[in-house]
């Protein structure tokens, strides 16, 4: 492939432009060339070196050696007949036919595992943020989420176990991508960390917006910045859950009882406290600890208890080692 400027397109760009790879970010070559970022991947990918060279568009280093071997085979064939030359031709032909397909599949696997680490880095998560603002990952299919933007995540970090899923920060649930072309993408290429890390990195996104506001990339206003809970804005804590956001089955306008055979089940999974302050566990714990300390400081008669301090022993060793040393001298 080649771009409009006439320069050949890189392997990374061509891979990300394939049908069904719209969720992928283009990993920078600087990130791939850093050996620290590739720690542990050599044991997970077959033909690791060749796959890495294909991703970076690097020509194999052993080309010169193969040419020298071919020249030696040609000299031997001239002296001793056509037997060695035919064997060399068969060896080279078999390598090109079989190894190329293996290297290509290994390169895709290696790039996916590198991509899982890249999107959790500063440069990678920023690139995914731009794709999120443009709505490249689609919206939640749930009606009460009101077209909330989703994020691609994996249910496992091990390749071959699960395909990619869409995580909705509005209802805190995952869904199968609506288009079948995404249902063949390995979920390990995105991993389990990216979705939660994205929300903590960009808390200013307004998850309650929909429609044209989604494409406009509307963020939290100054009025909403005052209400923070555990590092997140309260309006972004599961806005698709709670009262009025749960489907209630009805028959002729009457609600179906929960004890009925066709009644609603497991609705508590989508419930949300009316007072969002109940989720501030750190504040509640601190208040409870303060109350318990006040209670412990009072005796049964209601009088404060004076806590005794440990006395310091002067003229003696302060550690067991010094004590043993003193005894040994005696």
Protein backbone atom coordinates (compact mmCIF):
# COMPACT_ATOMS: atom_id res chain seq x y z
CA UNK A 1 0.00 0.00 0.00
CA UNK A 2 1.06 3.60 -0.51
CA UNK A 3 -0.26 6.89 0.75
CA UNK A 4 -1.29 9.88 -1.33
CA UNK A 5 2.13 11.50 -0.87
CA UNK A 6 3.81 8.61 -2.67
CA UNK A 7 5.68 7.28 0.38
CA UNK A 8 5.03 3.63 1.26
CA UNK A 9 2.57 3.12 4.09
CA UNK A 10 3.95 1.53 7.24
CA UNK A 11 2.83 -1.85 8.50
CA UNK A 12 1.24 -0.27 11.58
CA UNK A 13 -0.82 2.18 9.52
CA UNK A 14 -1.98 -0.51 7.12
CA UNK A 15 -2.91 -2.82 10.01
CA UNK A 16 -4.98 -0.15 11.78
CA UNK A 17 -6.75 0.78 8.53
CA UNK A 18 -8.04 -2.75 7.95
CA UNK A 19 -11.77 -3.43 8.19
CA UNK A 20 -12.63 -4.24 11.80
CA UNK A 21 -9.52 -2.58 13.25
CA UNK A 22 -11.10 0.84 13.80
CA UNK A 23 -10.76 0.48 17.57
CA UNK A 24 -6.95 0.18 17.38
CA UNK A 25 -4.59 3.06 18.02
CA UNK A 26 -1.37 3.48 16.05
CA UNK A 27 1.46 2.53 18.39
CA UNK A 28 4.49 4.77 17.96
CA UNK A 29 7.73 3.15 16.86
CA UNK A 30 9.55 4.75 19.79
CA UNK A 31 7.32 2.82 22.17
CA UNK A 32 7.98 -0.45 20.35
CA UNK A 33 11.72 0.09 20.13
CA UNK A 34 11.95 0.45 23.92
CA UNK A 35 12.81 -3.03 25.18
CA UNK A 36 11.27 -2.30 28.58
CA UNK A 37 7.80 -2.02 27.02
CA UNK A 38 8.18 -5.47 25.44
CA UNK A 39 9.21 -7.33 28.59
CA UNK A 40 7.80 -10.86 28.68
CA UNK A 41 6.40 -10.91 25.15
CA UNK A 42 9.16 -13.07 23.68
CA UNK A 43 7.73 -16.17 25.36
CA UNK A 44 4.17 -15.46 24.20
CA UNK A 45 4.73 -14.93 20.48
CA UNK A 46 6.21 -17.42 18.03
CA UNK A 47 8.99 -16.11 15.76
CA UNK A 48 9.21 -13.00 17.92
CA UNK A 49 12.22 -11.45 16.20
CA UNK A 50 10.82 -11.82 12.69
CA UNK A 51 7.41 -10.50 13.79
CA UNK A 52 9.00 -7.45 15.42
CA UNK A 53 10.99 -6.73 12.25
CA UNK A 54 7.81 -6.91 10.19
CA UNK A 55 6.00 -4.47 12.49
CA UNK A 56 8.87 -1.98 12.34
CA UNK A 57 9.37 -2.50 8.57
CA UNK A 58 12.93 -3.63 9.17
CA UNK A 59 14.57 -5.92 6.63
CA UNK A 60 15.88 -9.22 8.05
CA UNK A 61 19.52 -9.08 9.12
CA UNK A 62 20.40 -12.49 7.69
CA UNK A 63 19.82 -11.54 4.06
CA UNK A 64 23.56 -11.14 3.43
CA UNK A 65 24.28 -14.49 5.03
CA UNK A 66 21.68 -16.19 2.86
CA UNK A 67 23.17 -14.59 -0.26
CA UNK A 68 26.60 -15.89 0.71
CA UNK A 69 25.17 -19.36 1.26
CA UNK A 70 23.43 -19.20 -2.11
CA UNK A 71 26.70 -18.21 -3.80
CA UNK A 72 28.47 -21.13 -2.14
CA UNK A 73 25.70 -23.48 -3.26
CA UNK A 74 26.01 -22.18 -6.80
CA UNK A 75 29.77 -22.77 -6.80
CA UNK A 76 29.28 -26.29 -5.48
CA UNK A 77 26.59 -26.95 -8.08
CA UNK A 78 28.91 -25.86 -10.87
CA UNK A 79 31.62 -28.19 -9.63
CA UNK A 80 29.54 -31.19 -8.58
CA UNK A 81 26.29 -31.05 -10.55
CA UNK A 82 22.75 -29.78 -10.01
CA UNK A 83 21.95 -31.74 -6.83
CA UNK A 84 22.93 -29.15 -4.17
CA UNK A 85 21.34 -26.29 -6.09
CA UNK A 86 17.98 -28.03 -6.21
CA UNK A 87 18.10 -28.63 -2.46
CA UNK A 88 18.88 -24.95 -1.84
CA UNK A 89 16.01 -23.89 -4.08
CA UNK A 90 13.63 -26.20 -2.23
CA UNK A 91 14.80 -24.88 1.15
CA UNK A 92 14.35 -21.21 0.21
CA UNK A 93 11.00 -21.85 -1.43
CA UNK A 94 9.63 -23.72 1.57
CA UNK A 95 10.77 -20.94 3.93
CA UNK A 96 9.06 -18.23 1.92
CA UNK A 97 5.83 -20.17 1.62
CA UNK A 98 5.46 -21.39 5.21
CA UNK A 99 7.28 -18.84 7.34
CA UNK A 100 5.64 -15.77 5.80
CA UNK A 101 2.14 -16.74 6.94
CA UNK A 102 3.42 -17.62 10.41
CA UNK A 103 5.30 -14.33 10.69
CA UNK A 104 2.23 -12.36 9.64
CA UNK A 105 0.02 -13.99 12.27
CA UNK A 106 2.75 -13.58 14.88
CA UNK A 107 3.12 -9.91 13.97
CA UNK A 108 -0.62 -9.36 14.49
CA UNK A 109 -0.46 -11.13 17.84
CA UNK A 110 2.61 -9.18 18.93
CA UNK A 111 1.16 -5.85 17.87
CA UNK A 112 -2.05 -6.60 19.78
CA UNK A 113 -0.16 -7.36 22.99
CA UNK A 114 1.95 -4.22 22.54
CA UNK A 115 -1.24 -2.27 21.89
CA UNK A 116 -2.66 -3.45 25.23
CA UNK A 117 0.28 -1.80 27.01
CA UNK A 118 0.44 1.26 24.78
CA UNK A 119 -3.13 2.44 25.40
CA UNK A 120 -2.40 2.49 29.13
CA UNK A 121 0.56 4.84 28.64
CA UNK A 122 0.28 8.62 28.51
CA UNK A 123 0.63 8.88 24.72
CA UNK A 124 -1.63 5.92 24.03
CA UNK A 125 -4.48 6.93 26.31
CA UNK A 126 -4.37 10.43 24.84
CA UNK A 127 -4.76 8.97 21.36
CA UNK A 128 -7.69 6.85 22.52
CA UNK A 129 -9.20 9.98 24.07
CA UNK A 130 -9.27 11.65 20.67
CA UNK A 131 -11.01 8.63 19.18
CA UNK A 132 -13.48 8.66 22.08
CA UNK A 133 -14.34 12.32 21.49
CA UNK A 134 -15.08 11.57 17.84
CA UNK A 135 -17.32 8.65 18.76
CA UNK A 136 -15.21 5.99 17.03
CA UNK A 137 -16.17 3.38 19.62
CA UNK A 138 -19.93 3.77 19.24
CA UNK A 139 -22.63 4.25 21.86
CA UNK A 140 -24.32 2.05 24.43
CA UNK A 141 -27.26 0.02 23.05
CA UNK A 142 -29.15 0.34 26.34
CA UNK A 143 -32.10 2.70 26.12
CA UNK A 144 -31.73 4.32 29.55
CA UNK A 145 -28.08 5.21 28.88
CA UNK A 146 -29.25 7.69 26.23
CA UNK A 147 -26.49 7.10 23.68
CA UNK A 148 -23.61 7.25 26.14
CA UNK A 149 -20.21 6.71 24.52
CA UNK A 150 -18.54 3.35 25.10
CA UNK A 151 -14.94 2.15 25.38
CA UNK A 152 -13.39 -1.04 23.94
CA UNK A 153 -12.23 -3.39 26.68
CA UNK A 154 -11.28 -7.02 27.13
CA UNK A 155 -12.59 -9.46 29.72
CA UNK A 156 -9.21 -11.21 29.84
CA UNK A 157 -5.57 -10.25 29.35
CA UNK A 158 -4.75 -13.66 27.86
CA UNK A 159 -5.11 -13.93 24.05
CA UNK A 160 -7.65 -16.33 22.64
CA UNK A 161 -10.12 -16.32 25.55
CA UNK A 162 -12.56 -13.48 24.81
CA UNK A 163 -13.31 -11.10 21.97
CA UNK A 164 -13.40 -7.33 22.41
CA UNK A 165 -16.39 -5.88 24.29
CA UNK A 166 -17.78 -2.37 24.71
CA UNK A 167 -17.81 -0.92 28.23
CA UNK A 168 -20.45 1.68 29.02
CA UNK A 169 -19.44 4.07 31.82
CA UNK A 170 -23.07 5.12 32.21
CA UNK A 171 -24.46 1.73 33.31
CA UNK A 172 -21.09 0.10 34.17
CA UNK A 173 -21.82 -2.92 31.98
CA UNK A 174 -20.25 -4.51 28.90
CA UNK A 175 -21.90 -5.34 25.57
CA UNK A 176 -21.08 -7.20 22.39
CA UNK A 177 -20.21 -4.82 19.52
CA UNK A 178 -23.22 -4.41 17.22
CA UNK A 179 -21.17 -4.91 14.05
CA UNK A 180 -20.00 -8.45 13.40
CA UNK A 181 -16.62 -7.33 12.06
CA UNK A 182 -15.53 -6.42 15.60
CA UNK A 183 -16.54 -9.79 17.02
CA UNK A 184 -13.36 -11.41 15.68
CA UNK A 185 -10.98 -8.96 17.40
CA UNK A 186 -9.23 -10.42 20.45
CA UNK A 187 -10.18 -8.70 23.68
CA UNK A 188 -6.68 -9.17 25.09
CA UNK A 189 -5.47 -6.51 22.64
CA UNK A 190 -7.27 -3.95 24.84
CA UNK A 191 -7.13 -5.64 28.24
CA UNK A 192 -9.02 -5.16 31.47
CA UNK A 193 -7.17 -2.07 32.69
CA UNK A 194 -7.88 0.46 29.96
CA UNK A 195 -11.58 1.17 30.65
CA UNK A 196 -11.23 2.07 34.33
CA UNK A 197 -7.92 3.85 33.82
CA UNK A 198 -9.48 6.01 31.09
CA UNK A 199 -12.23 7.28 33.41
CA UNK A 200 -9.72 8.12 36.14
CA UNK A 201 -7.42 9.89 33.68
CA UNK A 202 -10.17 12.01 32.09
CA UNK A 203 -12.76 12.76 34.79
CA UNK A 204 -13.80 15.97 33.00
CA UNK A 205 -15.80 14.17 30.30
CA UNK A 206 -19.55 14.59 30.74
CA UNK A 207 -21.06 11.12 30.45
CA UNK A 208 -24.62 12.45 30.55
CA UNK A 209 -24.46 14.11 27.12
CA UNK A 210 -25.86 12.48 24.01
CA UNK A 211 -26.59 13.06 20.32
CA UNK A 212 -24.84 16.03 18.78
CA UNK A 213 -23.25 16.86 22.12
CA UNK A 214 -21.33 13.58 21.96
CA UNK A 215 -19.61 14.58 18.74
CA UNK A 216 -18.99 18.06 20.13
CA UNK A 217 -16.96 16.57 22.98
CA UNK A 218 -18.80 18.46 25.72
CA UNK A 219 -17.00 18.38 29.06
CA UNK A 220 -17.97 19.08 32.65
CA UNK A 221 -19.00 22.69 33.30
CA UNK A 222 -17.64 24.85 36.09
CA UNK A 223 -20.88 24.44 38.07
CA UNK A 224 -20.37 20.68 38.32
CA UNK A 225 -16.71 20.87 39.34
CA UNK A 226 -17.61 21.52 42.97
CA UNK A 227 -19.16 18.09 43.54
CA UNK A 228 -16.33 15.55 43.66
CA UNK A 229 -16.57 12.06 45.13
CA UNK A 230 -13.50 9.83 45.36
CA UNK A 231 -11.82 11.79 42.58
CA UNK A 232 -14.81 11.66 40.20
CA UNK A 233 -17.60 14.11 39.53
CA UNK A 234 -20.88 12.96 41.02
CA UNK A 235 -22.74 13.52 37.75
CA UNK A 236 -20.46 10.94 36.09
CA UNK A 237 -21.02 8.16 38.64
CA UNK A 238 -23.23 5.71 36.73
CA UNK A 239 -25.69 8.30 35.32
CA UNK A 240 -27.61 5.51 33.58
CA UNK A 241 -28.55 3.77 36.84
CA UNK A 242 -30.88 4.55 39.70
CA UNK A 243 -34.59 5.49 39.97
CA UNK A 244 -36.23 6.05 36.63
CA UNK A 245 -33.38 4.31 34.79
CA UNK A 246 -34.57 0.72 35.30
CA UNK A 247 -37.07 -0.97 33.03
CA UNK A 248 -40.30 -1.95 34.78
CA UNK A 249 -42.38 -4.65 33.06
CA UNK A 250 -46.09 -3.80 32.91
CA UNK A 251 -49.24 -5.57 31.71
CA UNK A 252 -52.11 -3.28 30.71
CA UNK A 253 -50.44 -0.48 32.64
CA UNK A 254 -50.04 -2.45 35.87
CA UNK A 255 -46.60 -3.28 37.21
CA UNK A 256 -45.72 -6.96 37.34
CA UNK A 257 -45.06 -8.18 40.86
CA UNK A 258 -41.55 -9.28 41.75
CA UNK A 259 -42.87 -12.57 43.12
CA UNK A 260 -44.63 -13.39 39.85
CA UNK A 261 -43.14 -15.94 37.48
CA UNK A 262 -42.51 -13.27 34.85
CA UNK A 263 -41.66 -10.58 37.37
CA UNK A 264 -38.49 -8.49 37.32
CA UNK A 265 -35.39 -10.11 38.73
CA UNK A 266 -32.00 -8.80 39.91
CA UNK A 267 -33.01 -5.15 39.65
CA UNK A 268 -30.71 -4.35 42.56
CA UNK A 269 -27.79 -4.69 40.13
CA UNK A 270 -28.90 -1.46 38.44
CA UNK A 271 -29.91 0.43 41.57
CA UNK A 272 -28.18 3.57 42.73
CA UNK A 273 -28.50 5.39 46.09
CA UNK A 274 -30.64 8.50 46.07
CA UNK A 275 -28.03 10.33 48.12
CA UNK A 276 -24.78 9.90 46.22
CA UNK A 277 -22.90 10.88 49.37
CA UNK A 278 -23.49 7.38 50.73
CA UNK A 279 -20.77 6.17 48.35
CA UNK A 280 -18.15 8.38 50.01
CA UNK A 281 -16.79 5.53 52.10
CA UNK A 282 -13.61 7.37 53.05
CA UNK A 283 -15.51 10.23 54.68
CA UNK A 284 -17.94 7.88 56.42
CA UNK A 285 -15.09 5.75 57.76
CA UNK A 286 -13.26 8.81 59.08
CA UNK A 287 -16.39 10.01 60.87
CA UNK A 288 -17.00 6.58 62.39
CA UNK A 289 -13.40 6.36 63.58
CA UNK A 290 -13.63 9.80 65.14
CA UNK A 291 -16.79 8.80 67.01
CA UNK A 292 -15.25 5.53 68.22
CA UNK A 293 -12.17 7.34 69.50
CA UNK A 294 -14.38 9.76 71.45
CA UNK A 295 -16.30 6.84 72.98
CA UNK A 296 -13.13 5.03 74.02
CA UNK A 297 -11.78 8.15 75.71
CA UNK A 298 -14.71 8.13 78.22
CA UNK A 299 -15.08 5.65 81.09
CA UNK A 300 -18.29 4.14 82.41
CA UNK A 301 -18.96 7.18 84.59
CA UNK A 302 -18.67 9.54 81.66
CA UNK A 303 -15.33 10.92 82.78
CA UNK A 304 -12.39 11.20 80.39
CA UNK A 305 -9.77 8.53 80.69
CA UNK A 306 -6.16 9.64 80.95
CA UNK A 307 -3.91 7.49 78.79
CA UNK A 308 -0.65 6.49 80.43
CA UNK A 309 2.53 6.83 78.47
CA UNK A 310 5.22 4.18 78.48
CA UNK A 311 8.18 5.07 80.68
CA UNK A 312 11.62 5.33 79.18
CA UNK A 313 14.30 3.31 80.89
CA UNK A 314 17.50 5.25 81.27
CA UNK A 315 20.90 3.70 81.59
CA UNK A 316 19.93 0.48 79.82
CA UNK A 317 20.30 -0.82 76.30
CA UNK A 318 17.56 0.25 73.93
CA UNK A 319 17.72 -2.78 71.61
CA UNK A 320 18.07 -6.55 72.06
CA UNK A 321 21.37 -6.50 70.19
CA UNK A 322 22.84 -4.01 72.63
CA UNK A 323 21.48 -6.02 75.54
CA UNK A 324 23.12 -9.19 74.30
CA UNK A 325 26.32 -7.30 73.76
CA UNK A 326 26.28 -5.97 77.30
CA UNK A 327 25.66 -9.46 78.73
CA UNK A 328 28.47 -10.92 76.67
CA UNK A 329 30.91 -8.42 78.10
CA UNK A 330 29.99 -9.49 81.61
